[in-house]
Structure formats: structure tokens, C-alpha cells
Amino acid sequence: MIPGPVPVAPRILRAMSKPIIGHRGKEFADMLAECRSALAETFATKNEILIISGSGSCAMEAAVGNLIGEKDTLVAVENGKFGERFRKIGERYGKVVPVKSEWGTSIELDAVEKALAEGARAVSLVHNETSIGIKNPAEEIGRLAKKYSALFIMDG
């Protein structure tokens, strides 16, 4: 369960070798609209789809930076490098209650619930913690966030 390196299919390599299209033209606008529509269908949502032109860390920063203020509390689930990164990003914007477990071990849901019960604006989670190869319990933590009316910020 790591992100790569992976073999790239020849047709993908050919597509990547084509000239870059301008990001201000109709061709790009049409392609972006098609991507957003496909993502909305994939995620079964009618909500607006935002595509971030940046790394996963960029997306984490954008989410936390727009949802957590200096008086807000973020419950940060941490059991790997990217959970640690979520916590550190959260510390730049507001208060953080870390819920940690040994790297590579599953998080204790009771600890997450206890932290949320004390009042938090949001909880952050890395679903597929690639740094140590573990899948975290996203569905269960999402239910806890809903139970305590907290936002759920997840890096899939």
C-alpha cells in the first residue's frame, strides 16, 4: 500500500508526451468540466468538485487552512508520517488535540470519540497511511465526526 514507483502503460506515456494545453483556453476549460463531472459521478455528489493543482500536502494545507481558525480545535489522528503532517499543519492554524498510536498500528476509536466529545470543529484522518502501509477506519471516524457535529477532513 505505497504510492509508487509503478509501471506506466505505453498509452499513458504517449499521452504525457503531447504538448501541454494552455490553462486559460477553451480546450482546458472543457477538459476541466469533464473531469469535474466524472468526479462528481464517481463520488455520487451534487456538491461542487474542487480540483487542487498541487501535492497532497498542498490539499491538506488548503483544507485545514480554510476550516480551522485560531480559536478552533482540530482532533488530529496520527499513526504515520502523513497523520503527523496533518497535526503539524493544524498547529499552524488553531488548537490541536492529537490522537496518536504507534506508527503502523490501528487507531483506538474510543480515543477519537473522547477527543471529539470534548468539543472540536473538525477531525483529520489519513485514510491510507502510505508511510507505514495501514488503512485507517474512515467510515467509523466519519460517523463519530457526524455524531459530534464535527467536520471530517480526510486525505484518502
N, C-alpha and C. Protein backbone atom coordinates (compact mmCIF):
# COMPACT_ATOMS: atom_id res chain seq x y z
N MET A 1 0.83 -1.19 0.00
CA MET A 1 0.00 0.00 0.00
C MET A 1 0.87 1.25 0.00
N ILE A 2 1.77 1.36 -0.96
CA ILE A 2 2.57 2.57 -1.11
C ILE A 2 2.26 3.20 -2.46
N PRO A 3 2.55 4.49 -2.64
CA PRO A 3 2.15 5.17 -3.87
C PRO A 3 3.03 4.90 -5.09
N GLY A 4 4.14 4.27 -4.94
CA GLY A 4 4.94 4.02 -6.15
C GLY A 4 6.37 3.71 -5.79
N PRO A 5 7.23 3.58 -6.75
CA PRO A 5 7.00 3.78 -8.19
C PRO A 5 6.19 2.65 -8.80
N VAL A 6 5.51 2.96 -9.88
CA VAL A 6 4.68 1.97 -10.56
C VAL A 6 4.98 2.00 -12.06
N PRO A 7 4.74 0.89 -12.75
CA PRO A 7 4.91 0.91 -14.21
C PRO A 7 3.83 1.78 -14.84
N VAL A 8 4.18 2.46 -15.92
CA VAL A 8 3.24 3.33 -16.62
C VAL A 8 2.95 2.71 -17.98
N ALA A 9 1.67 2.58 -18.29
CA ALA A 9 1.24 1.97 -19.55
C ALA A 9 1.73 2.81 -20.74
N PRO A 10 2.10 2.16 -21.84
CA PRO A 10 2.59 2.89 -23.02
C PRO A 10 1.62 3.97 -23.51
N ARG A 11 0.31 3.71 -23.49
CA ARG A 11 -0.63 4.73 -23.98
C ARG A 11 -0.62 5.97 -23.08
N ILE A 12 -0.37 5.78 -21.79
CA ILE A 12 -0.28 6.92 -20.87
C ILE A 12 1.00 7.70 -21.16
N LEU A 13 2.10 7.01 -21.37
CA LEU A 13 3.35 7.69 -21.72
C LEU A 13 3.20 8.50 -22.99
N ARG A 14 2.49 7.94 -23.99
CA ARG A 14 2.25 8.69 -25.24
C ARG A 14 1.42 9.94 -24.97
N ALA A 15 0.39 9.80 -24.16
CA ALA A 15 -0.47 10.95 -23.84
C ALA A 15 0.33 12.03 -23.10
N MET A 16 1.24 11.60 -22.23
CA MET A 16 2.04 12.55 -21.47
C MET A 16 3.08 13.26 -22.33
N SER A 17 3.38 12.71 -23.49
CA SER A 17 4.39 13.32 -24.36
C SER A 17 3.81 14.39 -25.29
N LYS A 18 2.49 14.56 -25.27
CA LYS A 18 1.85 15.56 -26.13
C LYS A 18 2.12 16.96 -25.57
N PRO A 19 2.04 17.98 -26.43
CA PRO A 19 2.24 19.36 -25.95
C PRO A 19 1.20 19.72 -24.87
N ILE A 20 1.63 20.52 -23.94
CA ILE A 20 0.75 20.97 -22.85
C ILE A 20 -0.26 21.96 -23.42
N ILE A 21 -1.51 21.84 -22.98
CA ILE A 21 -2.52 22.80 -23.43
C ILE A 21 -2.57 23.96 -22.45
N GLY A 22 -2.90 25.13 -22.95
CA GLY A 22 -2.97 26.33 -22.10
C GLY A 22 -4.11 26.24 -21.10
N HIS A 23 -3.86 26.71 -19.88
CA HIS A 23 -4.87 26.61 -18.83
C HIS A 23 -5.93 27.71 -18.90
N ARG A 24 -5.82 28.61 -19.86
CA ARG A 24 -6.81 29.69 -19.98
C ARG A 24 -7.69 29.55 -21.22
N GLY A 25 -7.49 28.48 -21.96
CA GLY A 25 -8.24 28.31 -23.21
C GLY A 25 -9.45 27.41 -23.07
N LYS A 26 -10.24 27.37 -24.14
CA LYS A 26 -11.47 26.57 -24.16
C LYS A 26 -11.17 25.08 -24.01
N GLU A 27 -10.11 24.59 -24.65
CA GLU A 27 -9.80 23.16 -24.57
C GLU A 27 -9.58 22.73 -23.11
N PHE A 28 -8.85 23.55 -22.37
CA PHE A 28 -8.62 23.23 -20.96
C PHE A 28 -9.91 23.33 -20.17
N ALA A 29 -10.69 24.39 -20.40
CA ALA A 29 -11.95 24.57 -19.68
C ALA A 29 -12.89 23.39 -19.91
N ASP A 30 -12.95 22.91 -21.14
CA ASP A 30 -13.80 21.76 -21.45
C ASP A 30 -13.30 20.50 -20.74
N MET A 31 -11.98 20.30 -20.74
CA MET A 31 -11.40 19.13 -20.09
C MET A 31 -11.64 19.18 -18.58
N LEU A 32 -11.49 20.36 -17.98
CA LEU A 32 -11.72 20.52 -16.55
C LEU A 32 -13.17 20.22 -16.20
N ALA A 33 -14.09 20.73 -17.01
CA ALA A 33 -15.52 20.48 -16.78
C ALA A 33 -15.82 18.98 -16.86
N GLU A 34 -15.21 18.31 -17.82
CA GLU A 34 -15.41 16.86 -17.97
C GLU A 34 -14.86 16.12 -16.75
N CYS A 35 -13.69 16.52 -16.27
CA CYS A 35 -13.10 15.89 -15.08
C CYS A 35 -13.98 16.10 -13.85
N ARG A 36 -14.46 17.33 -13.67
CA ARG A 36 -15.30 17.62 -12.51
C ARG A 36 -16.60 16.82 -12.55
N SER A 37 -17.17 16.70 -13.74
CA SER A 37 -18.40 15.92 -13.90
C SER A 37 -18.15 14.45 -13.58
N ALA A 38 -17.05 13.90 -14.08
CA ALA A 38 -16.72 12.49 -13.82
C ALA A 38 -16.45 12.26 -12.34
N LEU A 39 -15.77 13.20 -11.68
CA LEU A 39 -15.51 13.06 -10.25
C LEU A 39 -16.81 13.14 -9.44
N ALA A 40 -17.71 14.04 -9.82
CA ALA A 40 -18.99 14.14 -9.12
C ALA A 40 -19.76 12.83 -9.24
N GLU A 41 -19.73 12.23 -10.42
CA GLU A 41 -20.40 10.94 -10.61
C GLU A 41 -19.71 9.85 -9.79
N THR A 42 -18.39 9.84 -9.81
CA THR A 42 -17.63 8.83 -9.05
C THR A 42 -17.94 8.91 -7.56
N PHE A 43 -18.00 10.14 -7.03
CA PHE A 43 -18.24 10.32 -5.60
C PHE A 43 -19.72 10.46 -5.26
N ALA A 44 -20.59 10.28 -6.26
CA ALA A 44 -22.04 10.34 -6.06
C ALA A 44 -22.45 11.60 -5.31
N THR A 45 -22.01 12.76 -5.82
CA THR A 45 -22.32 14.02 -5.16
C THR A 45 -22.84 15.04 -6.16
N LYS A 46 -23.66 15.93 -5.66
CA LYS A 46 -24.11 17.08 -6.44
C LYS A 46 -23.37 18.33 -5.96
N ASN A 47 -22.53 18.16 -4.94
CA ASN A 47 -21.75 19.28 -4.42
C ASN A 47 -20.67 19.68 -5.41
N GLU A 48 -20.17 20.90 -5.24
CA GLU A 48 -19.12 21.39 -6.12
C GLU A 48 -17.85 20.55 -5.93
N ILE A 49 -17.21 20.23 -7.02
CA ILE A 49 -15.94 19.49 -7.00
C ILE A 49 -14.82 20.49 -7.22
N LEU A 50 -13.86 20.50 -6.31
CA LEU A 50 -12.70 21.37 -6.42
C LEU A 50 -11.48 20.51 -6.71
N ILE A 51 -10.74 20.89 -7.72
CA ILE A 51 -9.52 20.17 -8.08
C ILE A 51 -8.34 21.06 -7.72
N ILE A 52 -7.45 20.56 -6.90
CA ILE A 52 -6.30 21.34 -6.45
C ILE A 52 -5.09 21.01 -7.30
N SER A 53 -4.48 22.04 -7.83
CA SER A 53 -3.27 21.87 -8.63
C SER A 53 -2.08 21.95 -7.68
N GLY A 54 -1.76 20.83 -7.08
CA GLY A 54 -0.67 20.79 -6.11
C GLY A 54 -0.57 19.40 -5.52
N SER A 55 0.33 19.25 -4.58
CA SER A 55 0.57 17.95 -3.94
C SER A 55 -0.51 17.62 -2.93
N GLY A 56 -0.44 16.41 -2.39
CA GLY A 56 -1.35 16.02 -1.31
C GLY A 56 -1.19 16.93 -0.11
N SER A 57 0.04 17.31 0.20
CA SER A 57 0.28 18.22 1.33
C SER A 57 -0.36 19.58 1.06
N CYS A 58 -0.33 20.02 -0.19
CA CYS A 58 -0.97 21.27 -0.57
C CYS A 58 -2.47 21.20 -0.29
N ALA A 59 -3.09 20.08 -0.64
CA ALA A 59 -4.52 19.90 -0.40
C ALA A 59 -4.83 19.86 1.09
N MET A 60 -3.98 19.19 1.87
CA MET A 60 -4.17 19.14 3.32
C MET A 60 -4.12 20.55 3.91
N GLU A 61 -3.13 21.31 3.49
CA GLU A 61 -2.97 22.69 3.96
C GLU A 61 -4.17 23.54 3.57
N ALA A 62 -4.65 23.40 2.34
CA ALA A 62 -5.80 24.17 1.88
C ALA A 62 -7.04 23.84 2.71
N ALA A 63 -7.26 22.57 2.99
CA ALA A 63 -8.44 22.17 3.77
C ALA A 63 -8.36 22.71 5.20
N VAL A 64 -7.26 22.44 5.87
CA VAL A 64 -7.13 22.87 7.26
C VAL A 64 -7.10 24.40 7.35
N GLY A 65 -6.36 25.04 6.46
CA GLY A 65 -6.25 26.50 6.48
C GLY A 65 -7.57 27.21 6.26
N ASN A 66 -8.49 26.58 5.55
CA ASN A 66 -9.79 27.19 5.28
C ASN A 66 -10.86 26.79 6.28
N LEU A 67 -10.61 25.78 7.09
CA LEU A 67 -11.63 25.30 8.01
C LEU A 67 -11.31 25.50 9.49
N ILE A 68 -10.04 25.69 9.82
CA ILE A 68 -9.62 25.80 11.21
C ILE A 68 -9.05 27.20 11.47
N GLY A 69 -9.62 27.88 12.46
CA GLY A 69 -9.12 29.19 12.86
C GLY A 69 -8.44 29.10 14.22
N GLU A 70 -7.89 30.22 14.66
CA GLU A 70 -7.09 30.19 15.89
C GLU A 70 -7.88 29.77 17.12
N LYS A 71 -9.19 29.94 17.12
CA LYS A 71 -10.00 29.53 18.28
C LYS A 71 -10.62 28.14 18.11
N ASP A 72 -10.36 27.52 16.97
CA ASP A 72 -10.93 26.20 16.68
C ASP A 72 -10.00 25.08 17.15
N THR A 73 -10.60 23.92 17.39
CA THR A 73 -9.83 22.73 17.77
C THR A 73 -9.96 21.68 16.68
N LEU A 74 -8.82 21.11 16.32
CA LEU A 74 -8.74 20.01 15.36
C LEU A 74 -8.28 18.77 16.11
N VAL A 75 -9.05 17.70 16.02
CA VAL A 75 -8.61 16.40 16.52
C VAL A 75 -7.82 15.76 15.38
N ALA A 76 -6.53 15.55 15.59
CA ALA A 76 -5.65 15.03 14.54
C ALA A 76 -5.28 13.58 14.83
N VAL A 77 -5.78 12.67 14.01
CA VAL A 77 -5.45 11.25 14.14
C VAL A 77 -4.07 11.03 13.54
N GLU A 78 -3.17 10.45 14.34
CA GLU A 78 -1.77 10.32 13.90
C GLU A 78 -1.23 8.94 14.20
N ASN A 79 -0.96 8.18 13.14
CA ASN A 79 -0.28 6.89 13.30
C ASN A 79 0.66 6.62 12.12
N GLY A 80 1.17 7.72 11.54
CA GLY A 80 2.12 7.63 10.44
C GLY A 80 2.58 9.02 10.04
N LYS A 81 3.46 9.09 9.06
CA LYS A 81 4.08 10.35 8.64
C LYS A 81 3.07 11.39 8.17
N PHE A 82 2.04 10.97 7.44
CA PHE A 82 1.11 11.94 6.89
C PHE A 82 0.08 12.39 7.93
N GLY A 83 -0.24 11.52 8.88
CA GLY A 83 -1.04 11.95 10.03
C GLY A 83 -0.28 12.98 10.85
N GLU A 84 1.03 12.75 11.01
CA GLU A 84 1.89 13.71 11.68
C GLU A 84 1.86 15.04 10.94
N ARG A 85 1.90 14.99 9.63
CA ARG A 85 1.86 16.22 8.82
C ARG A 85 0.54 16.96 9.03
N PHE A 86 -0.59 16.23 9.05
CA PHE A 86 -1.89 16.86 9.32
C PHE A 86 -1.85 17.58 10.67
N ARG A 87 -1.29 16.93 11.69
CA ARG A 87 -1.20 17.55 13.02
C ARG A 87 -0.38 18.83 12.96
N LYS A 88 0.78 18.78 12.32
CA LYS A 88 1.64 19.95 12.25
C LYS A 88 0.98 21.10 11.49
N ILE A 89 0.27 20.78 10.43
CA ILE A 89 -0.47 21.81 9.68
C ILE A 89 -1.52 22.42 10.60
N GLY A 90 -2.26 21.58 11.32
CA GLY A 90 -3.29 22.06 12.23
C GLY A 90 -2.73 23.00 13.29
N GLU A 91 -1.54 22.70 13.79
CA GLU A 91 -0.91 23.54 14.83
C GLU A 91 -0.62 24.95 14.34
N ARG A 92 -0.49 25.13 13.03
CA ARG A 92 -0.24 26.47 12.49
C ARG A 92 -1.51 27.31 12.45
N TYR A 93 -2.67 26.67 12.52
CA TYR A 93 -3.93 27.40 12.34
C TYR A 93 -4.79 27.49 13.58
N GLY A 94 -4.73 26.52 14.46
CA GLY A 94 -5.59 26.51 15.64
C GLY A 94 -5.03 25.59 16.70
N LYS A 95 -5.94 25.17 17.58
CA LYS A 95 -5.55 24.23 18.64
C LYS A 95 -5.68 22.81 18.10
N VAL A 96 -4.79 21.94 18.53
CA VAL A 96 -4.82 20.55 18.06
C VAL A 96 -4.84 19.61 19.26
N VAL A 97 -5.73 18.64 19.19
CA VAL A 97 -5.74 17.53 20.13
C VAL A 97 -5.28 16.31 19.34
N PRO A 98 -4.02 15.89 19.52
CA PRO A 98 -3.55 14.72 18.78
C PRO A 98 -4.10 13.43 19.39
N VAL A 99 -4.52 12.53 18.53
CA VAL A 99 -4.89 11.18 18.95
C VAL A 99 -3.90 10.27 18.24
N LYS A 100 -2.92 9.79 19.02
CA LYS A 100 -1.81 9.05 18.43
C LYS A 100 -1.86 7.57 18.79
N SER A 101 -1.30 6.79 17.89
CA SER A 101 -0.99 5.40 18.21
C SER A 101 0.37 5.12 17.60
N GLU A 102 0.97 4.05 18.03
CA GLU A 102 2.27 3.66 17.48
C GLU A 102 2.17 3.62 15.96
N TRP A 103 3.16 4.18 15.28
CA TRP A 103 3.14 4.17 13.82
C TRP A 103 2.98 2.74 13.32
N GLY A 104 2.03 2.55 12.43
CA GLY A 104 1.78 1.24 11.86
C GLY A 104 0.72 0.45 12.59
N THR A 105 0.19 1.00 13.69
CA THR A 105 -0.88 0.31 14.41
C THR A 105 -2.18 1.08 14.26
N SER A 106 -3.27 0.36 14.38
CA SER A 106 -4.59 0.96 14.23
C SER A 106 -4.88 1.94 15.36
N ILE A 107 -5.64 2.95 15.02
CA ILE A 107 -6.01 3.98 15.99
C ILE A 107 -7.14 3.45 16.87
N GLU A 108 -7.17 3.88 18.12
CA GLU A 108 -8.23 3.48 19.04
C GLU A 108 -9.42 4.41 18.84
N LEU A 109 -10.54 3.87 18.38
CA LEU A 109 -11.72 4.69 18.13
C LEU A 109 -12.23 5.35 19.40
N ASP A 110 -12.09 4.69 20.54
CA ASP A 110 -12.53 5.29 21.81
C ASP A 110 -11.77 6.58 22.10
N ALA A 111 -10.49 6.62 21.77
CA ALA A 111 -9.68 7.83 21.99
C ALA A 111 -10.15 8.96 21.07
N VAL A 112 -10.50 8.62 19.84
CA VAL A 112 -11.02 9.63 18.91
C VAL A 112 -12.34 10.17 19.44
N GLU A 113 -13.21 9.28 19.88
CA GLU A 113 -14.52 9.72 20.39
C GLU A 113 -14.35 10.60 21.62
N LYS A 114 -13.47 10.22 22.52
CA LYS A 114 -13.24 11.02 23.73
C LYS A 114 -12.78 12.43 23.36
N ALA A 115 -11.87 12.54 22.41
CA ALA A 115 -11.38 13.85 21.98
C ALA A 115 -12.49 14.67 21.33
N LEU A 116 -13.29 14.04 20.49
CA LEU A 116 -14.40 14.75 19.83
C LEU A 116 -15.46 15.18 20.84
N ALA A 117 -15.70 14.37 21.85
CA ALA A 117 -16.71 14.68 22.87
C ALA A 117 -16.37 15.94 23.65
N GLU A 118 -15.08 16.26 23.72
CA GLU A 118 -14.65 17.46 24.44
C GLU A 118 -14.86 18.73 23.63
N GLY A 119 -15.30 18.57 22.39
CA GLY A 119 -15.61 19.71 21.54
C GLY A 119 -14.49 20.00 20.57
N ALA A 120 -14.78 19.86 19.30
CA ALA A 120 -13.80 20.13 18.25
C ALA A 120 -14.55 20.57 17.01
N ARG A 121 -13.95 21.45 16.25
CA ARG A 121 -14.55 21.87 14.98
C ARG A 121 -14.40 20.77 13.94
N ALA A 122 -13.29 20.03 14.00
CA ALA A 122 -13.01 19.04 12.95
C ALA A 122 -12.10 17.94 13.46
N VAL A 123 -12.09 16.85 12.69
CA VAL A 123 -11.15 15.75 12.91
C VAL A 123 -10.45 15.49 11.59
N SER A 124 -9.14 15.26 11.65
CA SER A 124 -8.38 14.95 10.42
C SER A 124 -7.92 13.49 10.47
N LEU A 125 -7.89 12.89 9.28
CA LEU A 125 -7.51 11.48 9.18
C LEU A 125 -6.86 11.23 7.83
N VAL A 126 -5.81 10.43 7.83
CA VAL A 126 -5.24 9.91 6.59
C VAL A 126 -5.79 8.50 6.45
N HIS A 127 -6.66 8.30 5.45
CA HIS A 127 -7.32 7.00 5.28
C HIS A 127 -6.31 5.91 4.95
N ASN A 128 -5.51 6.12 3.91
CA ASN A 128 -4.49 5.14 3.51
C ASN A 128 -3.14 5.73 3.87
N GLU A 129 -2.65 5.41 5.05
CA GLU A 129 -1.39 5.96 5.56
C GLU A 129 -0.24 5.24 4.87
N THR A 130 0.15 5.75 3.70
CA THR A 130 1.13 5.07 2.86
C THR A 130 2.52 5.00 3.49
N SER A 131 2.82 5.89 4.43
CA SER A 131 4.16 5.88 5.02
C SER A 131 4.44 4.60 5.79
N ILE A 132 3.39 3.95 6.27
CA ILE A 132 3.59 2.72 7.04
C ILE A 132 2.68 1.59 6.57
N GLY A 133 1.88 1.83 5.53
CA GLY A 133 1.08 0.77 4.93
C GLY A 133 -0.10 0.31 5.76
N ILE A 134 -0.88 1.26 6.26
CA ILE A 134 -2.07 0.90 7.04
C ILE A 134 -3.28 1.68 6.53
N LYS A 135 -4.43 1.03 6.55
CA LYS A 135 -5.68 1.67 6.18
C LYS A 135 -6.42 2.00 7.47
N ASN A 136 -6.71 3.28 7.67
CA ASN A 136 -7.39 3.72 8.88
C ASN A 136 -8.91 3.63 8.72
N PRO A 137 -9.64 3.52 9.84
CA PRO A 137 -11.09 3.31 9.80
C PRO A 137 -11.88 4.58 9.48
N ALA A 138 -11.89 4.96 8.22
CA ALA A 138 -12.52 6.21 7.79
C ALA A 138 -14.02 6.23 8.06
N GLU A 139 -14.70 5.16 7.73
CA GLU A 139 -16.15 5.15 7.90
C GLU A 139 -16.53 5.35 9.37
N GLU A 140 -15.84 4.66 10.25
CA GLU A 140 -16.14 4.75 11.68
C GLU A 140 -15.83 6.14 12.22
N ILE A 141 -14.71 6.72 11.81
CA ILE A 141 -14.36 8.05 12.28
C ILE A 141 -15.30 9.09 11.67
N GLY A 142 -15.72 8.88 10.44
CA GLY A 142 -16.73 9.76 9.84
C GLY A 142 -18.03 9.75 10.63
N ARG A 143 -18.45 8.58 11.08
CA ARG A 143 -19.67 8.50 11.90
C ARG A 143 -19.48 9.25 13.22
N LEU A 144 -18.29 9.11 13.82
CA LEU A 144 -18.03 9.84 15.07
C LEU A 144 -18.05 11.35 14.84
N ALA A 145 -17.46 11.79 13.75
CA ALA A 145 -17.48 13.22 13.43
C ALA A 145 -18.92 13.71 13.32
N LYS A 146 -19.73 12.96 12.62
CA LYS A 146 -21.14 13.34 12.45
C LYS A 146 -21.86 13.37 13.80
N LYS A 147 -21.60 12.36 14.64
CA LYS A 147 -22.23 12.28 15.97
C LYS A 147 -21.95 13.53 16.79
N TYR A 148 -20.73 14.07 16.67
CA TYR A 148 -20.34 15.23 17.46
C TYR A 148 -20.36 16.53 16.65
N SER A 149 -21.02 16.51 15.50
CA SER A 149 -21.18 17.69 14.63
C SER A 149 -19.84 18.33 14.28
N ALA A 150 -18.85 17.51 14.04
CA ALA A 150 -17.52 18.00 13.65
C ALA A 150 -17.32 17.78 12.15
N LEU A 151 -16.55 18.64 11.53
CA LEU A 151 -16.17 18.44 10.14
C LEU A 151 -15.19 17.27 10.07
N PHE A 152 -15.19 16.59 8.94
CA PHE A 152 -14.29 15.45 8.76
C PHE A 152 -13.38 15.78 7.59
N ILE A 153 -12.09 15.99 7.88
CA ILE A 153 -11.09 16.32 6.86
C ILE A 153 -10.27 15.05 6.62
N MET A 154 -10.41 14.47 5.43
CA MET A 154 -9.73 13.20 5.18
C MET A 154 -8.86 13.27 3.94
N ASP A 155 -7.64 12.78 4.10
CA ASP A 155 -6.75 12.54 2.97
C ASP A 155 -6.96 11.08 2.61
N GLY A 156 -7.54 10.83 1.42
CA GLY A 156 -7.88 9.46 1.03
C GLY A 156 -6.69 8.66 0.67
